[in-house]
Amino acid sequence: MKNYLITIFNSPEAEKTWENLTPEQMQASLSKYMAYSERLRNEGRLLAGEGLSMNGHTIRGTGADQHVTDGPHILAKELVGGFYFITAENLDGALAIARDCPGLAHGATVEVREQMDYGQ
């Protein structure tokens, strides 16, 4: 088994989709995320997963030249909206899991990356 990070990226259009949901639609969407997480947990595949706030801070530089900037990166076309850290047999298995991510129904982009193996 290998570990994979599924990252959910939201474009401005995807964010507008979320903003325009009625409370009932929002609850239905959140229920799909909860069911997805529960399924992965029951299968023993979910290592961690969370939704993320759209607010963030960036740090650049070191020492006295370090700067902290509020908010999401101004040049970003997509922002990280959440993640799942999972275990799967191989990349094909991880991609199969990612294809079921509820964010895809709202226009999100989902990226799958394998955790590096340092041979320890």
N, C-alpha and C. Protein backbone atom coordinates (compact mmCIF):
# COMPACT_ATOMS: atom_id res chain seq x y z
N MET A 1 0.85 -1.18 0.00
CA MET A 1 0.00 0.00 0.00
C MET A 1 0.89 1.24 0.00
N LYS A 2 0.41 2.27 -0.68
CA LYS A 2 1.11 3.54 -0.74
C LYS A 2 0.15 4.64 -0.29
N ASN A 3 0.71 5.76 0.13
CA ASN A 3 -0.09 6.90 0.56
C ASN A 3 -0.16 7.93 -0.54
N TYR A 4 -1.34 8.56 -0.65
CA TYR A 4 -1.58 9.56 -1.69
C TYR A 4 -2.31 10.75 -1.09
N LEU A 5 -2.00 11.92 -1.61
CA LEU A 5 -2.69 13.15 -1.24
C LEU A 5 -3.64 13.51 -2.37
N ILE A 6 -4.92 13.61 -2.05
CA ILE A 6 -5.92 14.11 -2.99
C ILE A 6 -6.18 15.55 -2.60
N THR A 7 -5.83 16.47 -3.47
CA THR A 7 -6.02 17.90 -3.19
C THR A 7 -7.18 18.41 -4.03
N ILE A 8 -8.08 19.15 -3.41
CA ILE A 8 -9.25 19.71 -4.08
C ILE A 8 -8.99 21.19 -4.32
N PHE A 9 -8.94 21.58 -5.59
CA PHE A 9 -8.71 22.97 -5.98
C PHE A 9 -10.02 23.58 -6.45
N ASN A 10 -10.35 24.75 -5.92
CA ASN A 10 -11.56 25.46 -6.33
C ASN A 10 -11.19 26.68 -7.15
N SER A 11 -11.76 26.78 -8.32
CA SER A 11 -11.61 27.97 -9.15
C SER A 11 -12.61 29.02 -8.66
N PRO A 12 -12.48 30.27 -9.11
CA PRO A 12 -13.50 31.27 -8.75
C PRO A 12 -14.90 30.83 -9.17
N GLU A 13 -15.01 30.15 -10.31
CA GLU A 13 -16.32 29.67 -10.77
C GLU A 13 -16.88 28.61 -9.82
N ALA A 14 -16.00 27.71 -9.37
CA ALA A 14 -16.44 26.68 -8.43
C ALA A 14 -16.89 27.31 -7.11
N GLU A 15 -16.18 28.33 -6.67
CA GLU A 15 -16.57 29.03 -5.43
C GLU A 15 -17.94 29.67 -5.59
N LYS A 16 -18.20 30.25 -6.75
CA LYS A 16 -19.52 30.87 -7.00
C LYS A 16 -20.62 29.82 -6.97
N THR A 17 -20.31 28.62 -7.47
CA THR A 17 -21.29 27.54 -7.41
C THR A 17 -21.67 27.27 -5.97
N TRP A 18 -20.68 27.20 -5.08
CA TRP A 18 -20.95 26.98 -3.65
C TRP A 18 -21.74 28.13 -3.06
N GLU A 19 -21.36 29.36 -3.40
CA GLU A 19 -22.02 30.53 -2.83
C GLU A 19 -23.49 30.63 -3.24
N ASN A 20 -23.84 30.06 -4.39
CA ASN A 20 -25.20 30.17 -4.90
C ASN A 20 -26.10 29.00 -4.48
N LEU A 21 -25.59 28.09 -3.69
CA LEU A 21 -26.42 26.98 -3.23
C LEU A 21 -27.41 27.45 -2.17
N THR A 22 -28.60 26.89 -2.20
CA THR A 22 -29.56 27.13 -1.13
C THR A 22 -29.08 26.38 0.11
N PRO A 23 -29.60 26.70 1.28
CA PRO A 23 -29.19 25.95 2.48
C PRO A 23 -29.43 24.44 2.33
N GLU A 24 -30.52 24.07 1.67
CA GLU A 24 -30.82 22.65 1.47
C GLU A 24 -29.80 22.01 0.54
N GLN A 25 -29.44 22.71 -0.54
CA GLN A 25 -28.44 22.19 -1.47
C GLN A 25 -27.07 22.09 -0.79
N MET A 26 -26.74 23.07 0.03
CA MET A 26 -25.47 23.06 0.76
C MET A 26 -25.42 21.85 1.69
N GLN A 27 -26.51 21.60 2.41
CA GLN A 27 -26.55 20.46 3.31
C GLN A 27 -26.43 19.15 2.54
N ALA A 28 -27.08 19.05 1.39
CA ALA A 28 -26.99 17.84 0.56
C ALA A 28 -25.55 17.63 0.08
N SER A 29 -24.88 18.71 -0.31
CA SER A 29 -23.49 18.61 -0.77
C SER A 29 -22.57 18.19 0.37
N LEU A 30 -22.75 18.80 1.53
CA LEU A 30 -21.93 18.44 2.68
C LEU A 30 -22.17 16.99 3.09
N SER A 31 -23.40 16.53 2.95
CA SER A 31 -23.72 15.13 3.27
C SER A 31 -22.97 14.19 2.34
N LYS A 32 -22.80 14.58 1.08
CA LYS A 32 -22.04 13.75 0.13
C LYS A 32 -20.57 13.67 0.53
N TYR A 33 -20.02 14.79 0.98
CA TYR A 33 -18.63 14.78 1.47
C TYR A 33 -18.50 13.88 2.70
N MET A 34 -19.47 13.97 3.60
CA MET A 34 -19.41 13.15 4.82
C MET A 34 -19.52 11.67 4.47
N ALA A 35 -20.40 11.33 3.53
CA ALA A 35 -20.56 9.94 3.12
C ALA A 35 -19.28 9.42 2.44
N TYR A 36 -18.67 10.26 1.62
CA TYR A 36 -17.41 9.91 0.95
C TYR A 36 -16.33 9.64 1.99
N SER A 37 -16.21 10.53 2.97
CA SER A 37 -15.22 10.36 4.04
C SER A 37 -15.50 9.10 4.84
N GLU A 38 -16.76 8.87 5.16
CA GLU A 38 -17.14 7.70 5.95
C GLU A 38 -16.83 6.41 5.18
N ARG A 39 -17.10 6.40 3.88
CA ARG A 39 -16.79 5.22 3.07
C ARG A 39 -15.29 4.93 3.10
N LEU A 40 -14.47 5.97 2.89
CA LEU A 40 -13.02 5.78 2.91
C LEU A 40 -12.54 5.32 4.29
N ARG A 41 -13.15 5.87 5.34
CA ARG A 41 -12.78 5.48 6.71
C ARG A 41 -13.14 4.00 6.94
N ASN A 42 -14.34 3.60 6.51
CA ASN A 42 -14.77 2.21 6.70
C ASN A 42 -13.92 1.23 5.91
N GLU A 43 -13.39 1.67 4.76
CA GLU A 43 -12.52 0.82 3.94
C GLU A 43 -11.08 0.81 4.46
N GLY A 44 -10.81 1.61 5.49
CA GLY A 44 -9.46 1.70 6.03
C GLY A 44 -8.50 2.47 5.14
N ARG A 45 -9.04 3.34 4.30
CA ARG A 45 -8.22 4.09 3.34
C ARG A 45 -7.96 5.55 3.76
N LEU A 46 -8.80 6.09 4.62
CA LEU A 46 -8.68 7.50 5.00
C LEU A 46 -7.68 7.66 6.13
N LEU A 47 -6.60 8.39 5.85
CA LEU A 47 -5.60 8.70 6.88
C LEU A 47 -5.90 10.06 7.50
N ALA A 48 -6.38 11.01 6.69
CA ALA A 48 -6.75 12.35 7.16
C ALA A 48 -7.52 13.03 6.04
N GLY A 49 -8.28 14.04 6.40
CA GLY A 49 -9.00 14.81 5.40
C GLY A 49 -9.74 15.95 6.05
N GLU A 50 -9.72 17.10 5.40
CA GLU A 50 -10.39 18.28 5.93
C GLU A 50 -10.72 19.25 4.81
N GLY A 51 -11.75 20.04 5.03
CA GLY A 51 -12.01 21.21 4.19
C GLY A 51 -11.19 22.36 4.75
N LEU A 52 -10.85 23.30 3.90
CA LEU A 52 -10.01 24.42 4.33
C LEU A 52 -10.71 25.75 4.10
N SER A 53 -10.44 26.69 4.97
CA SER A 53 -10.94 28.06 4.84
C SER A 53 -10.35 28.69 3.59
N MET A 54 -11.07 29.60 2.97
CA MET A 54 -10.55 30.30 1.80
C MET A 54 -9.57 31.40 2.21
N ASN A 55 -9.51 31.70 3.50
CA ASN A 55 -8.54 32.68 3.99
C ASN A 55 -7.23 31.97 4.29
N GLY A 56 -6.13 32.61 4.00
CA GLY A 56 -4.84 32.01 4.27
C GLY A 56 -3.77 33.08 4.36
N HIS A 57 -2.59 32.68 4.67
CA HIS A 57 -1.44 33.59 4.76
C HIS A 57 -0.26 32.93 4.06
N THR A 58 0.54 33.73 3.43
CA THR A 58 1.76 33.22 2.81
C THR A 58 2.96 33.85 3.49
N ILE A 59 4.02 33.07 3.61
CA ILE A 59 5.28 33.56 4.18
C ILE A 59 6.35 33.39 3.11
N ARG A 60 7.09 34.45 2.87
CA ARG A 60 8.18 34.42 1.89
C ARG A 60 9.44 34.97 2.54
N GLY A 61 10.58 34.41 2.14
CA GLY A 61 11.86 34.90 2.62
C GLY A 61 12.28 34.24 3.92
N THR A 62 13.43 34.69 4.42
CA THR A 62 13.97 34.17 5.67
C THR A 62 14.50 35.32 6.51
N GLY A 63 14.64 35.07 7.79
CA GLY A 63 15.22 36.05 8.69
C GLY A 63 14.53 37.40 8.62
N ALA A 64 15.33 38.47 8.57
CA ALA A 64 14.80 39.83 8.54
C ALA A 64 14.07 40.13 7.24
N ASP A 65 14.29 39.33 6.20
CA ASP A 65 13.63 39.54 4.91
C ASP A 65 12.33 38.76 4.78
N GLN A 66 11.84 38.22 5.89
CA GLN A 66 10.62 37.44 5.84
C GLN A 66 9.40 38.35 5.81
N HIS A 67 8.44 38.01 4.94
CA HIS A 67 7.21 38.80 4.80
C HIS A 67 6.00 37.87 4.87
N VAL A 68 4.99 38.29 5.63
CA VAL A 68 3.74 37.55 5.73
C VAL A 68 2.67 38.35 4.99
N THR A 69 1.95 37.67 4.11
CA THR A 69 0.88 38.31 3.35
C THR A 69 -0.44 37.65 3.72
N ASP A 70 -1.48 38.45 3.98
CA ASP A 70 -2.80 37.92 4.30
C ASP A 70 -3.54 37.52 3.03
N GLY A 71 -4.44 36.57 3.20
CA GLY A 71 -5.33 36.18 2.12
C GLY A 71 -4.71 35.15 1.20
N PRO A 72 -5.54 34.59 0.34
CA PRO A 72 -5.00 33.64 -0.63
C PRO A 72 -4.04 34.35 -1.57
N HIS A 73 -3.14 33.57 -2.15
CA HIS A 73 -2.16 34.16 -3.07
C HIS A 73 -2.88 34.89 -4.19
N ILE A 74 -2.54 36.13 -4.40
CA ILE A 74 -3.25 36.99 -5.33
C ILE A 74 -3.19 36.51 -6.78
N LEU A 75 -2.14 35.78 -7.14
CA LEU A 75 -2.00 35.32 -8.52
C LEU A 75 -2.60 33.94 -8.76
N ALA A 76 -3.08 33.30 -7.72
CA ALA A 76 -3.61 31.95 -7.86
C ALA A 76 -4.92 31.96 -8.65
N LYS A 77 -5.02 31.04 -9.60
CA LYS A 77 -6.26 30.90 -10.35
C LYS A 77 -7.19 29.91 -9.66
N GLU A 78 -6.61 29.02 -8.88
CA GLU A 78 -7.38 28.06 -8.10
C GLU A 78 -6.80 28.03 -6.69
N LEU A 79 -7.68 27.85 -5.72
CA LEU A 79 -7.25 27.79 -4.32
C LEU A 79 -7.56 26.42 -3.75
N VAL A 80 -6.72 25.98 -2.83
CA VAL A 80 -6.94 24.68 -2.20
C VAL A 80 -8.16 24.79 -1.29
N GLY A 81 -9.16 23.97 -1.57
CA GLY A 81 -10.38 23.99 -0.78
C GLY A 81 -10.44 22.87 0.25
N GLY A 82 -9.62 21.84 0.06
CA GLY A 82 -9.61 20.73 1.00
C GLY A 82 -8.68 19.63 0.52
N PHE A 83 -8.59 18.58 1.32
CA PHE A 83 -7.70 17.48 0.97
C PHE A 83 -8.15 16.19 1.63
N TYR A 84 -7.71 15.10 1.06
CA TYR A 84 -7.82 13.78 1.65
C TYR A 84 -6.45 13.14 1.56
N PHE A 85 -5.99 12.56 2.64
CA PHE A 85 -4.75 11.79 2.64
C PHE A 85 -5.18 10.34 2.77
N ILE A 86 -4.90 9.55 1.74
CA ILE A 86 -5.45 8.19 1.66
C ILE A 86 -4.35 7.16 1.46
N THR A 87 -4.73 5.91 1.58
CA THR A 87 -3.86 4.81 1.23
C THR A 87 -4.54 4.00 0.13
N ALA A 88 -3.74 3.54 -0.83
CA ALA A 88 -4.26 2.75 -1.95
C ALA A 88 -3.17 1.80 -2.43
N GLU A 89 -3.58 0.78 -3.15
CA GLU A 89 -2.63 -0.22 -3.65
C GLU A 89 -1.63 0.39 -4.62
N ASN A 90 -2.11 1.32 -5.45
CA ASN A 90 -1.27 1.92 -6.49
C ASN A 90 -1.96 3.19 -7.00
N LEU A 91 -1.34 3.85 -7.97
CA LEU A 91 -1.89 5.09 -8.51
C LEU A 91 -3.27 4.88 -9.10
N ASP A 92 -3.48 3.78 -9.81
CA ASP A 92 -4.80 3.53 -10.39
C ASP A 92 -5.87 3.45 -9.31
N GLY A 93 -5.55 2.82 -8.20
CA GLY A 93 -6.48 2.74 -7.08
C GLY A 93 -6.76 4.11 -6.48
N ALA A 94 -5.73 4.93 -6.35
CA ALA A 94 -5.90 6.28 -5.81
C ALA A 94 -6.73 7.14 -6.76
N LEU A 95 -6.49 6.99 -8.06
CA LEU A 95 -7.28 7.75 -9.04
C LEU A 95 -8.74 7.32 -9.01
N ALA A 96 -8.99 6.04 -8.82
CA ALA A 96 -10.38 5.56 -8.73
C ALA A 96 -11.08 6.19 -7.53
N ILE A 97 -10.38 6.29 -6.41
CA ILE A 97 -10.95 6.93 -5.22
C ILE A 97 -11.20 8.41 -5.50
N ALA A 98 -10.24 9.08 -6.11
CA ALA A 98 -10.36 10.52 -6.38
C ALA A 98 -11.49 10.83 -7.35
N ARG A 99 -11.77 9.92 -8.27
CA ARG A 99 -12.85 10.15 -9.25
C ARG A 99 -14.22 10.27 -8.58
N ASP A 100 -14.35 9.76 -7.36
CA ASP A 100 -15.61 9.84 -6.63
C ASP A 100 -15.71 11.07 -5.74
N CYS A 101 -14.70 11.93 -5.74
CA CYS A 101 -14.69 13.10 -4.86
C CYS A 101 -15.89 14.00 -5.17
N PRO A 102 -16.70 14.33 -4.17
CA PRO A 102 -17.88 15.15 -4.40
C PRO A 102 -17.59 16.54 -4.97
N GLY A 103 -16.40 17.08 -4.75
CA GLY A 103 -16.07 18.41 -5.26
C GLY A 103 -16.12 18.50 -6.77
N LEU A 104 -15.91 17.39 -7.45
CA LEU A 104 -15.94 17.40 -8.91
C LEU A 104 -17.31 17.84 -9.43
N ALA A 105 -18.37 17.53 -8.70
CA ALA A 105 -19.72 17.92 -9.12
C ALA A 105 -19.93 19.43 -9.06
N HIS A 106 -19.06 20.14 -8.35
CA HIS A 106 -19.17 21.60 -8.21
C HIS A 106 -18.10 22.33 -8.99
N GLY A 107 -17.44 21.65 -9.90
CA GLY A 107 -16.44 22.30 -10.75
C GLY A 107 -15.04 22.33 -10.19
N ALA A 108 -14.79 21.63 -9.09
CA ALA A 108 -13.44 21.59 -8.52
C ALA A 108 -12.53 20.74 -9.40
N THR A 109 -11.25 20.98 -9.29
CA THR A 109 -10.22 20.14 -9.90
C THR A 109 -9.60 19.33 -8.78
N VAL A 110 -9.38 18.05 -9.03
CA VAL A 110 -8.81 17.17 -8.02
C VAL A 110 -7.46 16.67 -8.52
N GLU A 111 -6.44 16.82 -7.68
CA GLU A 111 -5.09 16.36 -8.01
C GLU A 111 -4.71 15.21 -7.08
N VAL A 112 -4.03 14.21 -7.63
CA VAL A 112 -3.57 13.06 -6.85
C VAL A 112 -2.05 13.02 -6.91
N ARG A 113 -1.41 12.95 -5.73
CA ARG A 113 0.05 12.86 -5.67
C ARG A 113 0.44 11.78 -4.69
N GLU A 114 1.44 10.99 -5.08
CA GLU A 114 1.95 9.94 -4.20
C GLU A 114 2.90 10.55 -3.17
N GLN A 115 2.80 10.06 -1.94
CA GLN A 115 3.74 10.48 -0.90
C GLN A 115 5.11 9.94 -1.25
N MET A 116 6.13 10.75 -1.06
CA MET A 116 7.50 10.31 -1.33
C MET A 116 7.90 9.22 -0.35
N ASP A 117 8.65 8.26 -0.84
CA ASP A 117 9.17 7.17 -0.02
C ASP A 117 10.66 7.41 0.18
N TYR A 118 11.05 7.68 1.40
CA TYR A 118 12.45 7.95 1.71
C TYR A 118 13.20 6.68 2.11
N GLY A 119 12.56 5.52 1.94
CA GLY A 119 13.21 4.25 2.23
C GLY A 119 13.46 3.99 3.69
N GLN A 120 12.69 4.57 4.56
CA GLN A 120 12.91 4.38 6.00
C GLN A 120 12.07 3.26 6.53
